[in-house]
């Protein structure tokens, strides 16, 4: 009896050790503590930022903005079904368009889209308007003697695209329209004295933030025609 019992007890002991070892290898590890220095934003602001060239990315910081999301919702309220269906048929040629003077070489954007762009500008208290070209819009951010010390001077632009187009593709096309303008943003402004000589002691340095919001309207009763709206706000701080 003792000879039979001892192997049984030994086998049971080995199995118990194996089970404990197995439990140790499958224990749940605690979640890592987030890095407080990691300031990367998520969503459309980061998506457009990633599409910019290296020099442009050095000029702006991507920053999410709830106010811009709300302003885009107001702007989209001007786009009724007829506007979306009509623009889809007449202008959604596969490209992404900016709702300002650059809309096309032949005509301006539909009135309701222009009204939406104006609403976006008003909601964000931006300094540009829809009668400006893209280059003129960015020129509003250039420091002058009259505005060099303005706080949070900003521009807001509305872009539209075929609602079925991939969002990364839309952001890539928007980046193609504004990349060069971002590269040309001024880093600083030097005042001059009465003799017209630069006064380095009055040097003013600037940083820029870029916020992006996007949403899509689909006309389910009109063959699925859709339009994606993208709001871009760039602020000089």
Protein backbone atom coordinates (compact mmCIF):
# COMPACT_ATOMS: atom_id res chain seq x y z
CA UNK A 1 0.00 0.00 0.00
CA UNK A 2 2.74 2.48 0.85
CA UNK A 3 4.54 1.81 -2.43
CA UNK A 4 1.36 2.56 -4.43
CA UNK A 5 0.38 5.62 -2.38
CA UNK A 6 3.72 7.38 -2.64
CA UNK A 7 3.78 7.62 -6.46
CA UNK A 8 0.21 8.87 -6.40
CA UNK A 9 1.05 11.60 -3.94
CA UNK A 10 4.15 12.52 -5.93
CA UNK A 11 2.13 12.78 -9.16
CA UNK A 12 -0.46 14.98 -7.45
CA UNK A 13 2.28 17.27 -6.19
CA UNK A 14 3.82 17.65 -9.64
CA UNK A 15 0.40 18.48 -11.14
CA UNK A 16 -0.25 21.12 -8.50
CA UNK A 17 3.10 22.80 -9.21
CA UNK A 18 2.35 22.75 -12.96
CA UNK A 19 -1.04 24.41 -12.41
CA UNK A 20 0.51 27.12 -10.26
CA UNK A 21 3.21 27.71 -12.85
CA UNK A 22 0.56 27.99 -15.58
CA UNK A 23 -1.40 30.55 -13.58
CA UNK A 24 1.71 32.65 -13.12
CA UNK A 25 2.32 32.87 -16.87
CA UNK A 26 -1.24 34.01 -17.67
CA UNK A 27 -1.71 36.62 -14.94
CA UNK A 28 -3.14 39.95 -16.10
CA UNK A 29 -0.64 42.78 -16.13
CA UNK A 30 -1.68 46.29 -15.05
CA UNK A 31 -2.29 48.88 -17.81
CA UNK A 32 0.74 51.10 -18.46
CA UNK A 33 0.57 54.62 -17.13
CA UNK A 34 -0.05 57.10 -19.97
CA UNK A 35 2.89 59.31 -20.85
CA UNK A 36 1.98 62.83 -19.79
CA UNK A 37 4.36 64.22 -22.43
CA UNK A 38 2.46 62.52 -25.28
CA UNK A 39 0.45 65.39 -26.79
CA UNK A 40 -0.58 63.72 -30.06
CA UNK A 41 -4.22 64.47 -30.87
CA UNK A 42 -6.59 62.09 -32.51
CA UNK A 43 -9.16 62.43 -35.26
CA UNK A 44 -9.25 64.75 -38.25
CA UNK A 45 -6.80 67.36 -36.93
CA UNK A 46 -4.07 64.75 -36.75
CA UNK A 47 -5.20 63.19 -40.04
CA UNK A 48 -4.70 66.43 -41.98
CA UNK A 49 -1.49 67.22 -40.11
CA UNK A 50 -0.05 63.86 -41.17
CA UNK A 51 -0.73 64.71 -44.83
CA UNK A 52 1.29 67.94 -44.71
CA UNK A 53 4.89 68.12 -45.84
CA UNK A 54 7.76 68.25 -43.36
CA UNK A 55 8.25 72.02 -43.54
CA UNK A 56 4.54 72.69 -43.06
CA UNK A 57 4.36 70.33 -40.07
CA UNK A 58 7.14 72.37 -38.45
CA UNK A 59 4.96 75.48 -38.67
CA UNK A 60 1.70 74.23 -37.09
CA UNK A 61 0.54 72.16 -34.15
CA UNK A 62 -2.50 69.92 -34.57
CA UNK A 63 -5.13 70.68 -31.96
CA UNK A 64 -8.68 69.38 -31.55
CA UNK A 65 -11.32 72.07 -30.96
CA UNK A 66 -14.89 71.47 -29.82
CA UNK A 67 -15.83 74.99 -30.93
CA UNK A 68 -14.88 74.11 -34.51
CA UNK A 69 -17.03 70.97 -34.38
CA UNK A 70 -19.98 73.10 -33.30
CA UNK A 71 -19.26 75.74 -35.95
CA UNK A 72 -19.15 73.09 -38.68
CA UNK A 73 -22.57 71.83 -37.59
CA UNK A 74 -23.94 75.36 -38.02
CA UNK A 75 -22.33 75.66 -41.46
CA UNK A 76 -23.74 72.33 -42.59
CA UNK A 77 -27.21 73.51 -41.66
CA UNK A 78 -27.19 75.71 -44.78
CA UNK A 79 -26.72 72.74 -47.10
CA UNK A 80 -30.24 71.55 -47.93
CA UNK A 81 -30.89 68.45 -50.00
CA UNK A 82 -31.14 70.36 -53.27
CA UNK A 83 -27.76 71.98 -52.63
CA UNK A 84 -26.07 68.67 -52.02
CA UNK A 85 -27.75 66.93 -54.96
CA UNK A 86 -27.08 69.86 -57.31
CA UNK A 87 -23.47 70.33 -56.26
CA UNK A 88 -22.93 66.58 -56.42
CA UNK A 89 -24.08 66.52 -60.04
CA UNK A 90 -22.41 69.76 -61.16
CA UNK A 91 -19.19 70.03 -59.15
CA UNK A 92 -18.32 66.76 -57.41
CA UNK A 93 -15.88 65.80 -60.14
CA UNK A 94 -13.78 63.63 -57.88
CA UNK A 95 -11.81 66.54 -56.43
CA UNK A 96 -12.11 68.25 -53.08
CA UNK A 97 -13.17 71.90 -53.34
CA UNK A 98 -12.67 74.90 -51.06
CA UNK A 99 -15.72 77.13 -50.65
CA UNK A 100 -14.17 80.49 -51.51
CA UNK A 101 -13.04 82.37 -54.62
CA UNK A 102 -10.97 79.35 -55.73
CA UNK A 103 -14.07 77.12 -56.08
CA UNK A 104 -13.70 76.65 -59.84
CA UNK A 105 -12.33 78.64 -62.72
CA UNK A 106 -15.82 79.22 -64.10
CA UNK A 107 -18.12 80.07 -61.21
CA UNK A 108 -18.42 80.60 -57.49
CA UNK A 109 -19.62 77.99 -55.05
CA UNK A 110 -23.41 77.60 -54.71
CA UNK A 111 -24.92 80.35 -52.56
CA UNK A 112 -25.96 78.03 -49.76
CA UNK A 113 -22.44 76.64 -49.45
CA UNK A 114 -21.05 80.18 -49.41
CA UNK A 115 -23.54 81.03 -46.66
CA UNK A 116 -22.34 77.99 -44.74
CA UNK A 117 -18.73 79.12 -45.13
CA UNK A 118 -19.69 82.58 -43.85
CA UNK A 119 -21.45 81.01 -40.88
CA UNK A 120 -18.31 79.01 -40.10
CA UNK A 121 -16.21 82.17 -40.21
CA UNK A 122 -18.66 84.05 -37.98
CA UNK A 123 -18.90 81.23 -35.45
CA UNK A 124 -15.11 81.10 -35.13
CA UNK A 125 -14.71 84.92 -35.13
CA UNK A 126 -12.22 84.51 -37.98
CA UNK A 127 -10.74 87.42 -39.93
CA UNK A 128 -11.06 86.08 -43.50
CA UNK A 129 -14.08 85.96 -45.84
CA UNK A 130 -15.30 83.82 -48.73
CA UNK A 131 -14.45 86.45 -51.38
CA UNK A 132 -10.75 85.80 -50.78
CA UNK A 133 -8.60 83.28 -52.60
CA UNK A 134 -6.78 80.69 -50.53
CA UNK A 135 -3.56 82.73 -50.71
CA UNK A 136 -5.39 85.87 -49.62
CA UNK A 137 -7.02 83.96 -46.77
CA UNK A 138 -3.66 82.91 -45.37
CA UNK A 139 -2.39 86.43 -45.92
CA UNK A 140 -4.75 87.53 -43.15
CA UNK A 141 -2.38 85.81 -40.72
CA UNK A 142 0.62 87.84 -41.89
CA UNK A 143 1.74 90.20 -39.10
CA UNK A 144 1.59 93.91 -39.84
CA UNK A 145 2.08 97.03 -37.77
CA UNK A 146 -1.70 97.09 -37.26
CA UNK A 147 -2.15 93.49 -36.13
CA UNK A 148 1.24 92.11 -35.02
CA UNK A 149 0.16 91.97 -31.37
CA UNK A 150 -3.36 90.58 -31.94
CA UNK A 151 -4.10 87.56 -29.77
CA UNK A 152 -5.46 84.42 -31.44
CA UNK A 153 -5.82 85.84 -34.94
CA UNK A 154 -7.36 83.07 -37.01
CA UNK A 155 -8.80 81.97 -40.35
CA UNK A 156 -11.50 79.37 -41.04
CA UNK A 157 -12.08 77.58 -44.34
CA UNK A 158 -14.81 75.20 -45.51
CA UNK A 159 -14.01 72.35 -47.90
CA UNK A 160 -16.43 69.90 -49.53
CA UNK A 161 -15.89 66.56 -51.24
CA UNK A 162 -17.81 63.56 -52.52
CA UNK A 163 -19.12 61.84 -49.41
CA UNK A 164 -17.98 58.43 -50.64
CA UNK A 165 -14.36 59.50 -50.89
CA UNK A 166 -12.02 58.09 -48.25
CA UNK A 167 -11.36 60.65 -45.51
CA UNK A 168 -7.60 60.24 -45.78
CA UNK A 169 -7.85 60.98 -49.50
CA UNK A 170 -9.90 64.12 -48.74
CA UNK A 171 -7.31 65.28 -46.21
CA UNK A 172 -4.53 64.60 -48.71
CA UNK A 173 -6.22 66.85 -51.29
CA UNK A 174 -6.82 69.60 -48.72
CA UNK A 175 -3.17 69.37 -47.71
CA UNK A 176 -2.22 69.83 -51.34
CA UNK A 177 -4.18 73.10 -51.41
CA UNK A 178 -2.81 74.62 -48.21
CA UNK A 179 0.62 73.05 -47.68
CA UNK A 180 2.58 75.81 -49.41
CA UNK A 181 0.58 78.53 -47.64
CA UNK A 182 1.36 76.99 -44.26
CA UNK A 183 5.05 76.84 -45.15
CA UNK A 184 4.96 80.61 -45.81
CA UNK A 185 3.45 81.53 -42.42
CA UNK A 186 5.57 84.13 -40.63
CA UNK A 187 7.52 83.01 -37.56
CA UNK A 188 8.09 86.49 -36.15
CA UNK A 189 7.71 90.22 -36.68
CA UNK A 190 10.27 92.95 -36.02
CA UNK A 191 9.21 96.51 -35.36
CA UNK A 192 11.27 99.34 -36.82
CA UNK A 193 12.22 102.63 -35.22
CA UNK A 194 11.53 106.05 -36.72
CA UNK A 195 14.57 105.68 -38.95
CA UNK A 196 13.23 102.46 -40.41
CA UNK A 197 15.82 100.30 -38.67
CA UNK A 198 14.75 96.98 -37.22
CA UNK A 199 14.49 97.01 -33.47
CA UNK A 200 15.38 93.48 -32.38
CA UNK A 201 14.37 94.19 -28.80
CA UNK A 202 10.74 94.37 -30.02
CA UNK A 203 10.84 91.01 -31.78
CA UNK A 204 7.51 89.15 -31.67
CA UNK A 205 7.47 85.37 -32.16
CA UNK A 206 4.45 83.42 -33.40
CA UNK A 207 3.16 79.87 -33.19
CA UNK A 208 0.24 78.40 -35.14
CA UNK A 209 -2.40 75.81 -34.29
CA UNK A 210 -4.46 73.86 -36.80
CA UNK A 211 -7.85 72.36 -35.93
CA UNK A 212 -10.01 70.25 -38.23
CA UNK A 213 -13.60 69.01 -38.06
CA UNK A 214 -15.42 66.85 -40.61
CA UNK A 215 -18.82 65.28 -41.17
CA UNK A 216 -20.86 63.80 -44.03
CA UNK A 217 -24.47 64.26 -45.17
CA UNK A 218 -25.98 61.44 -47.24
CA UNK A 219 -29.26 61.80 -49.14
CA UNK A 220 -30.73 58.34 -48.69
CA UNK A 221 -33.75 59.26 -50.82
CA UNK A 222 -31.62 60.56 -53.71
CA UNK A 223 -29.54 57.58 -54.82
CA UNK A 224 -27.15 57.97 -51.89
CA UNK A 225 -25.66 61.27 -53.10
CA UNK A 226 -23.52 62.62 -50.31
CA UNK A 227 -21.18 65.43 -49.38
CA UNK A 228 -18.38 65.53 -46.83
CA UNK A 229 -17.80 68.89 -45.15
CA UNK A 230 -14.40 69.74 -43.67
CA UNK A 231 -13.73 72.83 -41.55
CA UNK A 232 -10.12 73.93 -41.10
CA UNK A 233 -9.14 76.63 -38.63
CA UNK A 234 -5.61 77.97 -38.31
CA UNK A 235 -4.83 80.39 -35.50
CA UNK A 236 -1.78 82.58 -34.91
CA UNK A 237 -0.94 82.64 -31.23
